[in-house]
Amino acid sequence: MSSLQLTKSTQRQASWMIRSAEFEKRSLNRSDVSFDVQVTPLDHQMIPVNPSFMASVLNYSETGACVQHREIIVEPFVQIEWEARQKCHRAVIKLKWCRATGNHCYLTGGRVISMESDENQ
């Protein structure tokens, strides 16, 4: 189990992280993008457990996505939400990996397990 250090006395556990060097790779080609999304951490019952925050999607495919963010995510799932072409899009991602890239900056990736779009009113 991986842990992310918040302070000397506080740790949050990210039990969903894969410990193996062999990550599950996406078989589909990825599209490099950069757009802002609202991220909502979800527990195993798909219930929001922490406040939403803003992040950026850096690449995606039909089956996966990579998100750059500044908040630590220890929950096993996230919902990302964004607007494009007069539609609100939502995707739930099962997290597979996380990498610290700098001071309070992280890349997290996973498998898209659901996606939906609604017309903006």
PDB file of N, CA and C in Angstrom:
ATOM      1  N   MET A   1       0.835  -1.160   0.000  1.00  0.00           N
ATOM      2  CA  MET A   1       0.000   0.000   0.000  1.00  0.00           C
ATOM      3  C   MET A   1       0.891   1.237   0.000  1.00  0.00           C
ATOM      4  N   SER A   2       0.596   2.192  -0.877  1.00  0.00           N
ATOM      5  CA  SER A   2       1.381   3.421  -0.954  1.00  0.00           C
ATOM      6  C   SER A   2       0.770   4.466  -0.039  1.00  0.00           C
ATOM      7  N   SER A   3       1.587   5.310   0.495  1.00  0.00           N
ATOM      8  CA  SER A   3       1.080   6.405   1.310  1.00  0.00           C
ATOM      9  C   SER A   3       1.691   7.697   0.807  1.00  0.00           C
ATOM     10  N   LEU A   4       0.918   8.745   0.911  1.00  0.00           N
ATOM     11  CA  LEU A   4       1.370  10.054   0.492  1.00  0.00           C
ATOM     12  C   LEU A   4       1.530  10.895   1.743  1.00  0.00           C
ATOM     13  N   GLN A   5       2.680  11.491   1.928  1.00  0.00           N
ATOM     14  CA  GLN A   5       2.989  12.245   3.133  1.00  0.00           C
ATOM     15  C   GLN A   5       2.398  13.640   3.032  1.00  0.00           C
ATOM     16  N   LEU A   6       1.518  14.005   3.976  1.00  0.00           N
ATOM     17  CA  LEU A   6       0.973  15.353   4.037  1.00  0.00           C
ATOM     18  C   LEU A   6       1.773  16.207   5.013  1.00  0.00           C
ATOM     19  N   THR A   7       1.963  15.710   6.204  1.00  0.00           N
ATOM     20  CA  THR A   7       2.809  16.361   7.195  1.00  0.00           C
ATOM     21  C   THR A   7       3.567  15.249   7.894  1.00  0.00           C
ATOM     22  N   LYS A   8       4.390  15.603   8.849  1.00  0.00           N
ATOM     23  CA  LYS A   8       5.143  14.579   9.557  1.00  0.00           C
ATOM     24  C   LYS A   8       4.236  13.650  10.349  1.00  0.00           C
ATOM     25  N   SER A   9       3.040  14.114  10.730  1.00  0.00           N
ATOM     26  CA  SER A   9       2.164  13.303  11.559  1.00  0.00           C
ATOM     27  C   SER A   9       0.935  12.778  10.837  1.00  0.00           C
ATOM     28  N   THR A  10       0.659  13.222   9.621  1.00  0.00           N
ATOM     29  CA  THR A  10      -0.557  12.837   8.923  1.00  0.00           C
ATOM     30  C   THR A  10      -0.227  12.166   7.599  1.00  0.00           C
ATOM     31  N   GLN A  11      -0.813  11.001   7.372  1.00  0.00           N
ATOM     32  CA  GLN A  11      -0.685  10.314   6.092  1.00  0.00           C
ATOM     33  C   GLN A  11      -2.061   9.909   5.614  1.00  0.00           C
ATOM     34  N   ARG A  12      -2.258   9.929   4.307  1.00  0.00           N
ATOM     35  CA  ARG A  12      -3.486   9.405   3.707  1.00  0.00           C
ATOM     36  C   ARG A  12      -3.070   8.223   2.864  1.00  0.00           C
ATOM     37  N   GLN A  13      -3.782   7.128   2.976  1.00  0.00           N
ATOM     38  CA  GLN A  13      -3.431   5.893   2.283  1.00  0.00           C
ATOM     39  C   GLN A  13      -4.104   5.821   0.917  1.00  0.00           C
ATOM     40  N   ALA A  14      -3.331   5.475  -0.095  1.00  0.00           N
ATOM     41  CA  ALA A  14      -3.845   5.277  -1.458  1.00  0.00           C
ATOM     42  C   ALA A  14      -3.753   3.788  -1.767  1.00  0.00           C
ATOM     43  N   SER A  15      -4.709   3.027  -1.269  1.00  0.00           N
ATOM     44  CA  SER A  15      -4.650   1.573  -1.390  1.00  0.00           C
ATOM     45  C   SER A  15      -4.906   1.084  -2.810  1.00  0.00           C
ATOM     46  N   TRP A  16      -5.381   1.924  -3.692  1.00  0.00           N
ATOM     47  CA  TRP A  16      -5.687   1.523  -5.064  1.00  0.00           C
ATOM     48  C   TRP A  16      -4.444   1.483  -5.949  1.00  0.00           C
ATOM     49  N   MET A  17      -3.332   2.068  -5.525  1.00  0.00           N
ATOM     50  CA  MET A  17      -2.153   2.155  -6.391  1.00  0.00           C
ATOM     51  C   MET A  17      -1.543   0.788  -6.660  1.00  0.00           C
ATOM     52  N   ILE A  18      -1.163   0.563  -7.892  1.00  0.00           N
ATOM     53  CA  ILE A  18      -0.518  -0.674  -8.307  1.00  0.00           C
ATOM     54  C   ILE A  18       0.934  -0.641  -7.863  1.00  0.00           C
ATOM     55  N   ARG A  19       1.384  -1.672  -7.168  1.00  0.00           N
ATOM     56  CA  ARG A  19       2.765  -1.712  -6.671  1.00  0.00           C
ATOM     57  C   ARG A  19       3.723  -2.275  -7.719  1.00  0.00           C
ATOM     58  N   SER A  20       3.219  -3.023  -8.667  1.00  0.00           N
ATOM     59  CA  SER A  20       4.060  -3.680  -9.657  1.00  0.00           C
ATOM     60  C   SER A  20       4.625  -2.679 -10.651  1.00  0.00           C
ATOM     61  N   ALA A  21       5.786  -3.004 -11.206  1.00  0.00           N
ATOM     62  CA  ALA A  21       6.373  -2.167 -12.255  1.00  0.00           C
ATOM     63  C   ALA A  21       5.618  -2.325 -13.563  1.00  0.00           C
ATOM     64  N   GLU A  22       4.846  -3.381 -13.686  1.00  0.00           N
ATOM     65  CA  GLU A  22       4.075  -3.621 -14.907  1.00  0.00           C
ATOM     66  C   GLU A  22       2.684  -3.020 -14.754  1.00  0.00           C
ATOM     67  N   PHE A  23       2.483  -1.825 -15.270  1.00  0.00           N
ATOM     68  CA  PHE A  23       1.186  -1.182 -15.204  1.00  0.00           C
ATOM     69  C   PHE A  23       0.299  -1.701 -16.322  1.00  0.00           C
ATOM     70  N   GLU A  24      -0.998  -1.672 -16.076  1.00  0.00           N
ATOM     71  CA  GLU A  24      -1.951  -2.028 -17.115  1.00  0.00           C
ATOM     72  C   GLU A  24      -1.946  -0.896 -18.135  1.00  0.00           C
ATOM     73  N   LYS A  25      -1.544  -1.182 -19.350  1.00  0.00           N
ATOM     74  CA  LYS A  25      -1.408  -0.156 -20.386  1.00  0.00           C
ATOM     75  C   LYS A  25      -2.675  -0.078 -21.226  1.00  0.00           C
ATOM     76  N   ARG A  26      -2.959   1.112 -21.714  1.00  0.00           N
ATOM     77  CA  ARG A  26      -4.069   1.284 -22.647  1.00  0.00           C
ATOM     78  C   ARG A  26      -3.661   0.762 -24.002  1.00  0.00           C
ATOM     79  N   SER A  27      -4.541   0.010 -24.628  1.00  0.00           N
ATOM     80  CA  SER A  27      -4.225  -0.545 -25.940  1.00  0.00           C
ATOM     81  C   SER A  27      -4.563   0.434 -27.070  1.00  0.00           C
ATOM     82  N   LEU A  28      -5.383   1.426 -26.791  1.00  0.00           N
ATOM     83  CA  LEU A  28      -5.775   2.387 -27.816  1.00  0.00           C
ATOM     84  C   LEU A  28      -4.829   3.583 -27.824  1.00  0.00           C
ATOM     85  N   ASN A  29      -4.684   4.200 -28.990  1.00  0.00           N
ATOM     86  CA  ASN A  29      -3.843   5.395 -29.097  1.00  0.00           C
ATOM     87  C   ASN A  29      -4.412   6.512 -28.232  1.00  0.00           C
ATOM     88  N   ARG A  30      -3.528   7.281 -27.639  1.00  0.00           N
ATOM     89  CA  ARG A  30      -3.925   8.393 -26.790  1.00  0.00           C
ATOM     90  C   ARG A  30      -3.900   9.683 -27.583  1.00  0.00           C
ATOM     91  N   SER A  31      -4.812  10.567 -27.257  1.00  0.00           N
ATOM     92  CA  SER A  31      -4.829  11.906 -27.840  1.00  0.00           C
ATOM     93  C   SER A  31      -4.275  12.872 -26.812  1.00  0.00           C
ATOM     94  N   ASP A  32      -3.222  13.601 -27.185  1.00  0.00           N
ATOM     95  CA  ASP A  32      -2.675  14.617 -26.296  1.00  0.00           C
ATOM     96  C   ASP A  32      -3.599  15.822 -26.322  1.00  0.00           C
ATOM     97  N   VAL A  33      -4.002  16.267 -25.146  1.00  0.00           N
ATOM     98  CA  VAL A  33      -4.909  17.406 -25.000  1.00  0.00           C
ATOM     99  C   VAL A  33      -4.469  18.186 -23.765  1.00  0.00           C
ATOM    100  N   SER A  34      -5.108  19.278 -23.524  1.00  0.00           N
ATOM    101  CA  SER A  34      -4.941  19.991 -22.262  1.00  0.00           C
ATOM    102  C   SER A  34      -6.199  20.824 -22.060  1.00  0.00           C
ATOM    103  N   PHE A  35      -7.066  20.333 -21.186  1.00  0.00           N
ATOM    104  CA  PHE A  35      -8.261  21.098 -20.859  1.00  0.00           C
ATOM    105  C   PHE A  35      -8.610  20.881 -19.391  1.00  0.00           C
ATOM    106  N   ASP A  36      -9.240  21.900 -18.814  1.00  0.00           N
ATOM    107  CA  ASP A  36      -9.575  21.878 -17.398  1.00  0.00           C
ATOM    108  C   ASP A  36     -10.806  21.020 -17.135  1.00  0.00           C
ATOM    109  N   VAL A  37     -10.786  20.327 -16.005  1.00  0.00           N
ATOM    110  CA  VAL A  37     -11.906  19.504 -15.565  1.00  0.00           C
ATOM    111  C   VAL A  37     -12.109  19.722 -14.074  1.00  0.00           C
ATOM    112  N   GLN A  38     -13.329  19.482 -13.636  1.00  0.00           N
ATOM    113  CA  GLN A  38     -13.614  19.443 -12.207  1.00  0.00           C
ATOM    114  C   GLN A  38     -13.488  17.991 -11.777  1.00  0.00           C
ATOM    115  N   VAL A  39     -12.699  17.726 -10.747  1.00  0.00           N
ATOM    116  CA  VAL A  39     -12.459  16.367 -10.253  1.00  0.00           C
ATOM    117  C   VAL A  39     -13.168  16.191  -8.919  1.00  0.00           C
ATOM    118  N   THR A  40     -13.939  15.102  -8.811  1.00  0.00           N
ATOM    119  CA  THR A  40     -14.600  14.756  -7.559  1.00  0.00           C
ATOM    120  C   THR A  40     -14.154  13.361  -7.143  1.00  0.00           C
ATOM    121  N   PRO A  41     -13.409  13.226  -6.042  1.00  0.00           N
ATOM    122  CA  PRO A  41     -13.004  11.904  -5.558  1.00  0.00           C
ATOM    123  C   PRO A  41     -14.224  11.094  -5.108  1.00  0.00           C
ATOM    124  N   LEU A  42     -14.235   9.784  -5.450  1.00  0.00           N
ATOM    125  CA  LEU A  42     -15.344   8.889  -5.118  1.00  0.00           C
ATOM    126  C   LEU A  42     -14.823   7.674  -4.356  1.00  0.00           C
ATOM    127  N   ASP A  43     -15.630   7.173  -3.412  1.00  0.00           N
ATOM    128  CA  ASP A  43     -15.243   5.961  -2.698  1.00  0.00           C
ATOM    129  C   ASP A  43     -15.688   4.725  -3.490  1.00  0.00           C
ATOM    130  N   HIS A  44     -15.558   3.537  -2.902  1.00  0.00           N
ATOM    131  CA  HIS A  44     -15.915   2.288  -3.590  1.00  0.00           C
ATOM    132  C   HIS A  44     -17.403   2.205  -3.937  1.00  0.00           C
ATOM    133  N   GLN A  45     -18.256   2.949  -3.228  1.00  0.00           N
ATOM    134  CA  GLN A  45     -19.697   2.972  -3.519  1.00  0.00           C
ATOM    135  C   GLN A  45     -20.066   4.109  -4.477  1.00  0.00           C
ATOM    136  N   MET A  46     -19.050   4.765  -5.040  1.00  0.00           N
ATOM    137  CA  MET A  46     -19.222   5.886  -5.978  1.00  0.00           C
ATOM    138  C   MET A  46     -19.868   7.096  -5.308  1.00  0.00           C
ATOM    139  N   ILE A  47     -19.596   7.269  -4.031  1.00  0.00           N
ATOM    140  CA  ILE A  47     -20.108   8.409  -3.270  1.00  0.00           C
ATOM    141  C   ILE A  47     -18.979   9.431  -3.119  1.00  0.00           C
ATOM    142  N   PRO A  48     -19.251  10.708  -3.434  1.00  0.00           N
ATOM    143  CA  PRO A  48     -18.231  11.746  -3.242  1.00  0.00           C
ATOM    144  C   PRO A  48     -17.822  11.815  -1.770  1.00  0.00           C
ATOM    145  N   VAL A  49     -16.507  11.837  -1.516  1.00  0.00           N
ATOM    146  CA  VAL A  49     -16.029  11.831  -0.133  1.00  0.00           C
ATOM    147  C   VAL A  49     -15.173  13.044   0.211  1.00  0.00           C
ATOM    148  N   ASN A  50     -14.748  13.807  -0.745  1.00  0.00           N
ATOM    149  CA  ASN A  50     -13.959  15.013  -0.507  1.00  0.00           C
ATOM    150  C   ASN A  50     -14.440  16.093  -1.462  1.00  0.00           C
ATOM    151  N   PRO A  51     -14.138  17.343  -1.164  1.00  0.00           N
ATOM    152  CA  PRO A  51     -14.561  18.422  -2.068  1.00  0.00           C
ATOM    153  C   PRO A  51     -13.950  18.274  -3.462  1.00  0.00           C
ATOM    154  N   SER A  52     -14.668  18.767  -4.441  1.00  0.00           N
ATOM    155  CA  SER A  52     -14.171  18.787  -5.822  1.00  0.00           C
ATOM    156  C   SER A  52     -13.060  19.817  -5.950  1.00  0.00           C
ATOM    157  N   PHE A  53     -12.225  19.631  -6.964  1.00  0.00           N
ATOM    158  CA  PHE A  53     -11.151  20.577  -7.245  1.00  0.00           C
ATOM    159  C   PHE A  53     -10.895  20.586  -8.746  1.00  0.00           C
ATOM    160  N   MET A  54     -10.175  21.597  -9.201  1.00  0.00           N
ATOM    161  CA  MET A  54      -9.875  21.734 -10.622  1.00  0.00           C
ATOM    162  C   MET A  54      -8.563  21.018 -10.957  1.00  0.00           C
ATOM    163  N   ALA A  55      -8.508  20.458 -12.160  1.00  0.00           N
ATOM    164  CA  ALA A  55      -7.325  19.763 -12.657  1.00  0.00           C
ATOM    165  C   ALA A  55      -7.319  19.891 -14.172  1.00  0.00           C
ATOM    166  N   SER A  56      -6.331  19.267 -14.819  1.00  0.00           N
ATOM    167  CA  SER A  56      -6.243  19.285 -16.284  1.00  0.00           C
ATOM    168  C   SER A  56      -6.075  17.869 -16.803  1.00  0.00           C
ATOM    169  N   VAL A  57      -6.830  17.545 -17.851  1.00  0.00           N
ATOM    170  CA  VAL A  57      -6.621  16.281 -18.554  1.00  0.00           C
ATOM    171  C   VAL A  57      -5.488  16.517 -19.544  1.00  0.00           C
ATOM    172  N   LEU A  58      -4.481  15.641 -19.529  1.00  0.00           N
ATOM    173  CA  LEU A  58      -3.329  15.789 -20.427  1.00  0.00           C
ATOM    174  C   LEU A  58      -3.398  14.861 -21.631  1.00  0.00           C
ATOM    175  N   ASN A  59      -3.987  13.667 -21.450  1.00  0.00           N
ATOM    176  CA  ASN A  59      -4.228  12.786 -22.586  1.00  0.00           C
ATOM    177  C   ASN A  59      -5.360  11.841 -22.240  1.00  0.00           C
ATOM    178  N   TYR A  60      -5.990  11.324 -23.287  1.00  0.00           N
ATOM    179  CA  TYR A  60      -7.095  10.399 -23.074  1.00  0.00           C
ATOM    180  C   TYR A  60      -7.212   9.474 -24.270  1.00  0.00           C
ATOM    181  N   SER A  61      -7.891   8.386 -24.038  1.00  0.00           N
ATOM    182  CA  SER A  61      -8.304   7.477 -25.104  1.00  0.00           C
ATOM    183  C   SER A  61      -9.720   7.046 -24.750  1.00  0.00           C
ATOM    184  N   GLU A  62     -10.286   6.173 -25.528  1.00  0.00           N
ATOM    185  CA  GLU A  62     -11.629   5.687 -25.254  1.00  0.00           C
ATOM    186  C   GLU A  62     -11.682   4.952 -23.912  1.00  0.00           C
ATOM    187  N   THR A  63     -10.556   4.408 -23.477  1.00  0.00           N
ATOM    188  CA  THR A  63     -10.552   3.581 -22.271  1.00  0.00           C
ATOM    189  C   THR A  63      -9.779   4.162 -21.097  1.00  0.00           C
ATOM    190  N   GLY A  64      -9.060   5.276 -21.264  1.00  0.00           N
ATOM    191  CA  GLY A  64      -8.266   5.785 -20.160  1.00  0.00           C
ATOM    192  C   GLY A  64      -8.011   7.267 -20.250  1.00  0.00           C
ATOM    193  N   ALA A  65      -7.496   7.821 -19.139  1.00  0.00           N
ATOM    194  CA  ALA A  65      -7.183   9.248 -19.087  1.00  0.00           C
ATOM    195  C   ALA A  65      -6.045   9.487 -18.104  1.00  0.00           C
ATOM    196  N   CYS A  66      -5.316  10.576 -18.325  1.00  0.00           N
ATOM    197  CA  CYS A  66      -4.251  11.031 -17.438  1.00  0.00           C
ATOM    198  C   CYS A  66      -4.592  12.456 -17.009  1.00  0.00           C
ATOM    199  N   VAL A  67      -4.588  12.685 -15.691  1.00  0.00           N
ATOM    200  CA  VAL A  67      -4.990  13.964 -15.127  1.00  0.00           C
ATOM    201  C   VAL A  67      -3.830  14.555 -14.335  1.00  0.00           C
ATOM    202  N   GLN A  68      -3.564  15.847 -14.536  1.00  0.00           N
ATOM    203  CA  GLN A  68      -2.572  16.573 -13.752  1.00  0.00           C
ATOM    204  C   GLN A  68      -3.317  17.381 -12.698  1.00  0.00           C
ATOM    205  N   HIS A  69      -2.880  17.270 -11.424  1.00  0.00           N
ATOM    206  CA  HIS A  69      -3.620  17.927 -10.350  1.00  0.00           C
ATOM    207  C   HIS A  69      -2.681  18.315  -9.212  1.00  0.00           C
ATOM    208  N   ARG A  70      -3.202  19.144  -8.294  1.00  0.00           N
ATOM    209  CA  ARG A  70      -2.421  19.627  -7.155  1.00  0.00           C
ATOM    210  C   ARG A  70      -2.903  19.053  -5.828  1.00  0.00           C
ATOM    211  N   GLU A  71      -4.040  18.377  -5.826  1.00  0.00           N
ATOM    212  CA  GLU A  71      -4.592  17.784  -4.611  1.00  0.00           C
ATOM    213  C   GLU A  71      -4.234  16.303  -4.564  1.00  0.00           C
ATOM    214  N   ILE A  72      -3.953  15.785  -3.371  1.00  0.00           N
ATOM    215  CA  ILE A  72      -3.697  14.353  -3.226  1.00  0.00           C
ATOM    216  C   ILE A  72      -5.018  13.601  -3.345  1.00  0.00           C
ATOM    217  N   ILE A  73      -5.020  12.533  -4.153  1.00  0.00           N
ATOM    218  CA  ILE A  73      -6.213  11.696  -4.322  1.00  0.00           C
ATOM    219  C   ILE A  73      -5.899  10.323  -3.739  1.00  0.00           C
ATOM    220  N   VAL A  74      -6.601   9.937  -2.700  1.00  0.00           N
ATOM    221  CA  VAL A  74      -6.398   8.601  -2.139  1.00  0.00           C
ATOM    222  C   VAL A  74      -7.611   7.699  -2.399  1.00  0.00           C
ATOM    223  N   GLU A  75      -8.690   8.274  -2.877  1.00  0.00           N
ATOM    224  CA  GLU A  75      -9.881   7.490  -3.169  1.00  0.00           C
ATOM    225  C   GLU A  75      -9.641   6.655  -4.431  1.00  0.00           C
ATOM    226  N   PRO A  76     -10.355   5.528  -4.591  1.00  0.00           N
ATOM    227  CA  PRO A  76     -10.095   4.629  -5.724  1.00  0.00           C
ATOM    228  C   PRO A  76     -10.689   5.086  -7.060  1.00  0.00           C
ATOM    229  N   PHE A  77     -11.625   6.025  -7.034  1.00  0.00           N
ATOM    230  CA  PHE A  77     -12.289   6.504  -8.250  1.00  0.00           C
ATOM    231  C   PHE A  77     -12.375   8.025  -8.210  1.00  0.00           C
ATOM    232  N   VAL A  78     -12.465   8.622  -9.399  1.00  0.00           N
ATOM    233  CA  VAL A  78     -12.790  10.043  -9.501  1.00  0.00           C
ATOM    234  C   VAL A  78     -13.812  10.219 -10.608  1.00  0.00           C
ATOM    235  N   GLN A  79     -14.619  11.244 -10.460  1.00  0.00           N
ATOM    236  CA  GLN A  79     -15.473  11.684 -11.557  1.00  0.00           C
ATOM    237  C   GLN A  79     -14.873  12.972 -12.083  1.00  0.00           C
ATOM    238  N   ILE A  80     -14.673  13.046 -13.392  1.00  0.00           N
ATOM    239  CA  ILE A  80     -14.227  14.300 -13.989  1.00  0.00           C
ATOM    240  C   ILE A  80     -15.388  14.872 -14.790  1.00  0.00           C
ATOM    241  N   GLU A  81     -15.494  16.186 -14.784  1.00  0.00           N
ATOM    242  CA  GLU A  81     -16.599  16.856 -15.466  1.00  0.00           C
ATOM    243  C   GLU A  81     -16.063  18.071 -16.204  1.00  0.00           C
ATOM    244  N   TRP A  82     -16.544  18.266 -17.455  1.00  0.00           N
ATOM    245  CA  TRP A  82     -16.118  19.403 -18.257  1.00  0.00           C
ATOM    246  C   TRP A  82     -17.208  19.746 -19.255  1.00  0.00           C
ATOM    247  N   GLU A  83     -17.114  20.952 -19.807  1.00  0.00           N
ATOM    248  CA  GLU A  83     -18.070  21.416 -20.815  1.00  0.00           C
ATOM    249  C   GLU A  83     -17.359  21.616 -22.136  1.00  0.00           C
ATOM    250  N   ALA A  84     -18.008  21.149 -23.199  1.00  0.00           N
ATOM    251  CA  ALA A  84     -17.498  21.336 -24.555  1.00  0.00           C
ATOM    252  C   ALA A  84     -18.647  21.163 -25.536  1.00  0.00           C
ATOM    253  N   ARG A  85     -18.675  22.018 -26.552  1.00  0.00           N
ATOM    254  CA  ARG A  85     -19.678  21.937 -27.619  1.00  0.00           C
ATOM    255  C   ARG A  85     -21.104  21.919 -27.074  1.00  0.00           C
ATOM    256  N   GLN A  86     -21.399  22.831 -26.177  1.00  0.00           N
ATOM    257  CA  GLN A  86     -22.708  22.992 -25.547  1.00  0.00           C
ATOM    258  C   GLN A  86     -23.192  21.733 -24.826  1.00  0.00           C
ATOM    259  N   LYS A  87     -22.266  20.915 -24.355  1.00  0.00           N
ATOM    260  CA  LYS A  87     -22.619  19.725 -23.589  1.00  0.00           C
ATOM    261  C   LYS A  87     -21.788  19.657 -22.325  1.00  0.00           C
ATOM    262  N   CYS A  88     -22.374  19.067 -21.282  1.00  0.00           N
ATOM    263  CA  CYS A  88     -21.661  18.776 -20.055  1.00  0.00           C
ATOM    264  C   CYS A  88     -21.280  17.297 -20.103  1.00  0.00           C
ATOM    265  N   HIS A  89     -20.008  17.013 -19.990  1.00  0.00           N
ATOM    266  CA  HIS A  89     -19.502  15.640 -20.083  1.00  0.00           C
ATOM    267  C   HIS A  89     -19.022  15.197 -18.704  1.00  0.00           C
ATOM    268  N   ARG A  90     -19.282  13.934 -18.366  1.00  0.00           N
ATOM    269  CA  ARG A  90     -18.833  13.344 -17.112  1.00  0.00           C
ATOM    270  C   ARG A  90     -18.258  11.974 -17.390  1.00  0.00           C
ATOM    271  N   ALA A  91     -17.143  11.676 -16.733  1.00  0.00           N
ATOM    272  CA  ALA A  91     -16.533  10.353 -16.842  1.00  0.00           C
ATOM    273  C   ALA A  91     -16.110   9.913 -15.454  1.00  0.00           C
ATOM    274  N   VAL A  92     -16.293   8.616 -15.166  1.00  0.00           N
ATOM    275  CA  VAL A  92     -15.783   8.040 -13.923  1.00  0.00           C
ATOM    276  C   VAL A  92     -14.541   7.236 -14.285  1.00  0.00           C
ATOM    277  N   ILE A  93     -13.474   7.467 -13.538  1.00  0.00           N
ATOM    278  CA  ILE A  93     -12.193   6.819 -13.804  1.00  0.00           C
ATOM    279  C   ILE A  93     -11.800   5.985 -12.586  1.00  0.00           C
ATOM    280  N   LYS A  94     -11.466   4.725 -12.832  1.00  0.00           N
ATOM    281  CA  LYS A  94     -10.887   3.871 -11.786  1.00  0.00           C
ATOM    282  C   LYS A  94      -9.385   4.125 -11.810  1.00  0.00           C
ATOM    283  N   LEU A  95      -8.866   4.674 -10.730  1.00  0.00           N
ATOM    284  CA  LEU A  95      -7.463   5.082 -10.697  1.00  0.00           C
ATOM    285  C   LEU A  95      -6.535   3.877 -10.637  1.00  0.00           C
ATOM    286  N   LYS A  96      -5.429   3.965 -11.386  1.00  0.00           N
ATOM    287  CA  LYS A  96      -4.451   2.872 -11.471  1.00  0.00           C
ATOM    288  C   LYS A  96      -3.063   3.285 -10.980  1.00  0.00           C
ATOM    289  N   TRP A  97      -2.691   4.549 -11.162  1.00  0.00           N
ATOM    290  CA  TRP A  97      -1.342   4.970 -10.800  1.00  0.00           C
ATOM    291  C   TRP A  97      -1.329   6.463 -10.483  1.00  0.00           C
ATOM    292  N   CYS A  98      -0.315   6.869  -9.738  1.00  0.00           N
ATOM    293  CA  CYS A  98      -0.106   8.278  -9.420  1.00  0.00           C
ATOM    294  C   CYS A  98       1.396   8.519  -9.335  1.00  0.00           C
ATOM    295  N   ARG A  99       1.826   9.663  -9.820  1.00  0.00           N
ATOM    296  CA  ARG A  99       3.244  10.020  -9.799  1.00  0.00           C
ATOM    297  C   ARG A  99       3.367  11.484  -9.390  1.00  0.00           C
ATOM    298  N   ALA A 100       4.186  11.754  -8.385  1.00  0.00           N
ATOM    299  CA  ALA A 100       4.480  13.133  -8.004  1.00  0.00           C
ATOM    300  C   ALA A 100       5.451  13.702  -9.026  1.00  0.00           C
ATOM    301  N   THR A 101       5.150  14.897  -9.543  1.00  0.00           N
ATOM    302  CA  THR A 101       6.002  15.513 -10.562  1.00  0.00           C
ATOM    303  C   THR A 101       6.651  16.800 -10.074  1.00  0.00           C
ATOM    304  N   GLY A 102       6.363  17.175  -8.856  1.00  0.00           N
ATOM    305  CA  GLY A 102       6.932  18.395  -8.299  1.00  0.00           C
ATOM    306  C   GLY A 102       6.250  18.714  -6.988  1.00  0.00           C
ATOM    307  N   ASN A 103       6.505  19.894  -6.484  1.00  0.00           N
ATOM    308  CA  ASN A 103       5.920  20.322  -5.232  1.00  0.00           C
ATOM    309  C   ASN A 103       4.412  20.487  -5.386  1.00  0.00           C
ATOM    310  N   HIS A 104       3.642  19.615  -4.767  1.00  0.00           N
ATOM    311  CA  HIS A 104       2.174  19.617  -4.835  1.00  0.00           C
ATOM    312  C   HIS A 104       1.661  19.521  -6.268  1.00  0.00           C
ATOM    313  N   CYS A 105       2.309  18.727  -7.077  1.00  0.00           N
ATOM    314  CA  CYS A 105       1.866  18.503  -8.456  1.00  0.00           C
ATOM    315  C   CYS A 105       1.946  17.002  -8.735  1.00  0.00           C
ATOM    316  N   TYR A 106       0.859  16.443  -9.262  1.00  0.00           N
ATOM    317  CA  TYR A 106       0.760  15.004  -9.462  1.00  0.00           C
ATOM    318  C   TYR A 106       0.168  14.685 -10.827  1.00  0.00           C
ATOM    319  N   LEU A 107       0.558  13.546 -11.374  1.00  0.00           N
ATOM    320  CA  LEU A 107      -0.088  12.953 -12.537  1.00  0.00           C
ATOM    321  C   LEU A 107      -0.757  11.673 -12.053  1.00  0.00           C
ATOM    322  N   THR A 108      -2.015  11.486 -12.411  1.00  0.00           N
ATOM    323  CA  THR A 108      -2.752  10.289 -12.029  1.00  0.00           C
ATOM    324  C   THR A 108      -3.463   9.765 -13.272  1.00  0.00           C
ATOM    325  N   GLY A 109      -3.450   8.449 -13.434  1.00  0.00           N
ATOM    326  CA  GLY A 109      -4.105   7.854 -14.588  1.00  0.00           C
ATOM    327  C   GLY A 109      -4.936   6.657 -14.197  1.00  0.00           C
ATOM    328  N   GLY A 110      -5.839   6.311 -15.093  1.00  0.00           N
ATOM    329  CA  GLY A 110      -6.683   5.156 -14.836  1.00  0.00           C
ATOM    330  C   GLY A 110      -7.571   4.824 -16.003  1.00  0.00           C
ATOM    331  N   ARG A 111      -8.449   3.860 -15.752  1.00  0.00           N
ATOM    332  CA  ARG A 111      -9.356   3.339 -16.767  1.00  0.00           C
ATOM    333  C   ARG A 111     -10.710   4.025 -16.665  1.00  0.00           C
ATOM    334  N   VAL A 112     -11.224   4.515 -17.793  1.00  0.00           N
ATOM    335  CA  VAL A 112     -12.565   5.095 -17.841  1.00  0.00           C
ATOM    336  C   VAL A 112     -13.569   3.960 -17.744  1.00  0.00           C
ATOM    337  N   ILE A 113     -14.440   4.010 -16.713  1.00  0.00           N
ATOM    338  CA  ILE A 113     -15.413   2.932 -16.547  1.00  0.00           C
ATOM    339  C   ILE A 113     -16.822   3.375 -16.913  1.00  0.00           C
ATOM    340  N   SER A 114     -17.067   4.687 -17.029  1.00  0.00           N
ATOM    341  CA  SER A 114     -18.364   5.168 -17.530  1.00  0.00           C
ATOM    342  C   SER A 114     -18.196   6.588 -18.032  1.00  0.00           C
ATOM    343  N   MET A 115     -19.059   6.949 -18.974  1.00  0.00           N
ATOM    344  CA  MET A 115     -19.014   8.296 -19.540  1.00  0.00           C
ATOM    345  C   MET A 115     -20.402   8.670 -20.020  1.00  0.00           C
ATOM    346  N   GLU A 116     -20.779   9.923 -19.794  1.00  0.00           N
ATOM    347  CA  GLU A 116     -22.074  10.407 -20.256  1.00  0.00           C
ATOM    348  C   GLU A 116     -21.988  11.880 -20.586  1.00  0.00           C
ATOM    349  N   SER A 117     -22.919  12.347 -21.400  1.00  0.00           N
ATOM    350  CA  SER A 117     -22.974  13.747 -21.809  1.00  0.00           C
ATOM    351  C   SER A 117     -24.423  14.208 -21.765  1.00  0.00           C
ATOM    352  N   ASP A 118     -24.620  15.450 -21.344  1.00  0.00           N
ATOM    353  CA  ASP A 118     -25.954  16.060 -21.297  1.00  0.00           C
ATOM    354  C   ASP A 118     -25.895  17.379 -22.062  1.00  0.00           C
ATOM    355  N   GLU A 119     -26.997  17.715 -22.722  1.00  0.00           N
ATOM    356  CA  GLU A 119     -27.117  19.022 -23.364  1.00  0.00           C
ATOM    357  C   GLU A 119     -27.169  20.090 -22.286  1.00  0.00           C
ATOM    358  N   ASN A 120     -26.420  21.202 -22.489  1.00  0.00           N
ATOM    359  CA  ASN A 120     -26.521  22.333 -21.561  1.00  0.00           C
ATOM    360  C   ASN A 120     -27.874  22.985 -21.722  1.00  0.00           C
ATOM    361  N   GLN A 121     -28.443  23.424 -20.633  1.00  0.00           N
ATOM    362  CA  GLN A 121     -29.765  24.063 -20.647  1.00  0.00           C
ATOM    363  C   GLN A 121     -29.631  25.536 -20.888  1.00  0.00           C
TER     364      GLN A 121
END
